[in-house]
């Protein structure tokens, strides 16, 4: 009978240990999930910022290319330049 009690107590102790480990692991998973959510939001904001910067650079590049294509081949000044010192009037 004493042996059965001892085995039952050992089993109960193991179950208690497993319960504590499971609780700690669950808390760790919750913490990691929260951290991942923050990282995902940060990446989403960064992605939107990069999209805006990409669009802005695209517009600037198109303007630059347009300016280059409109340059007068003789004077190498943009056609929009009206004064003799090369300053644009637009």
Protein backbone atom coordinates (compact mmCIF):
# COMPACT_ATOMS: atom_id res chain seq x y z
CA UNK A 1 0.00 0.00 0.00
CA UNK A 2 2.82 2.39 0.86
CA UNK A 3 4.42 1.65 -2.48
CA UNK A 4 1.18 2.55 -4.28
CA UNK A 5 0.97 5.82 -2.33
CA UNK A 6 4.55 6.62 -3.23
CA UNK A 7 3.93 5.90 -6.93
CA UNK A 8 0.75 7.98 -6.81
CA UNK A 9 2.63 10.85 -5.18
CA UNK A 10 5.40 10.64 -7.80
CA UNK A 11 2.78 10.67 -10.54
CA UNK A 12 1.04 13.66 -8.92
CA UNK A 13 4.39 15.46 -8.63
CA UNK A 14 5.15 14.82 -12.32
CA UNK A 15 1.73 16.11 -13.32
CA UNK A 16 2.28 19.21 -11.19
CA UNK A 17 5.65 19.80 -12.85
CA UNK A 18 4.11 19.35 -16.29
CA UNK A 19 1.34 21.79 -15.40
CA UNK A 20 3.90 24.44 -14.31
CA UNK A 21 6.01 23.90 -17.46
CA UNK A 22 2.91 24.15 -19.63
CA UNK A 23 1.88 27.37 -17.90
CA UNK A 24 5.34 28.92 -18.37
CA UNK A 25 5.45 27.88 -22.03
CA UNK A 26 1.97 29.30 -22.61
CA UNK A 27 2.98 32.62 -21.06
CA UNK A 28 6.08 32.64 -23.26
CA UNK A 29 3.97 32.03 -26.35
CA UNK A 30 1.68 34.93 -25.41
CA UNK A 31 4.70 37.21 -24.95
CA UNK A 32 6.19 36.15 -28.28
CA UNK A 33 2.85 36.67 -30.01
CA UNK A 34 2.63 40.21 -28.64
CA UNK A 35 6.19 40.93 -29.77
CA UNK A 36 5.43 39.58 -33.24
CA UNK A 37 2.33 41.75 -33.48
CA UNK A 38 4.41 44.83 -32.67
CA UNK A 39 7.02 43.84 -35.25
CA UNK A 40 4.36 43.22 -37.89
CA UNK A 41 2.81 46.66 -37.26
CA UNK A 42 6.27 48.25 -37.43
CA UNK A 43 7.01 46.51 -40.73
CA UNK A 44 3.63 47.55 -42.10
CA UNK A 45 4.29 51.20 -41.27
CA UNK A 46 7.80 50.96 -42.73
CA UNK A 47 6.39 49.38 -45.88
CA UNK A 48 3.93 52.24 -46.34
CA UNK A 49 6.75 54.74 -45.85
CA UNK A 50 8.91 52.95 -48.39
CA UNK A 51 6.03 52.85 -50.87
CA UNK A 52 5.58 56.61 -50.51
CA UNK A 53 9.33 57.23 -50.92
CA UNK A 54 9.40 54.94 -53.97
CA UNK A 55 6.52 56.84 -55.57
CA UNK A 56 8.19 60.15 -54.82
CA UNK A 57 11.48 58.99 -56.35
CA UNK A 58 9.64 57.73 -59.40
CA UNK A 59 8.03 61.14 -59.93
CA UNK A 60 11.35 62.92 -59.42
CA UNK A 61 13.07 60.57 -61.88
CA UNK A 62 10.38 61.14 -64.49
CA UNK A 63 10.70 64.91 -64.04
CA UNK A 64 14.48 64.69 -64.35
CA UNK A 65 14.24 62.53 -67.47
CA UNK A 66 11.70 64.92 -68.93
CA UNK A 67 14.03 67.83 -68.21
CA UNK A 68 16.92 66.03 -69.86
CA UNK A 69 14.90 65.21 -72.94
CA UNK A 70 13.75 68.80 -73.27
CA UNK A 71 17.27 70.25 -73.21
CA UNK A 72 18.33 72.23 -76.26
CA UNK A 73 21.10 70.25 -77.94
CA UNK A 74 22.92 73.40 -79.05
CA UNK A 75 23.04 75.38 -75.83
CA UNK A 76 22.72 72.37 -73.44
CA UNK A 77 20.29 74.45 -71.39
CA UNK A 78 16.76 73.25 -70.69
CA UNK A 79 14.17 74.80 -73.01
CA UNK A 80 12.45 76.23 -69.96
CA UNK A 81 15.48 78.44 -69.28
CA UNK A 82 14.82 81.90 -70.58
CA UNK A 83 17.56 84.01 -69.07
CA UNK A 84 21.20 84.15 -70.23
CA UNK A 85 22.65 82.85 -66.97
CA UNK A 86 20.93 79.48 -67.23
CA UNK A 87 18.38 80.02 -64.48
CA UNK A 88 14.97 78.53 -65.13
CA UNK A 89 12.07 80.90 -65.18
CA UNK A 90 9.46 78.25 -64.41
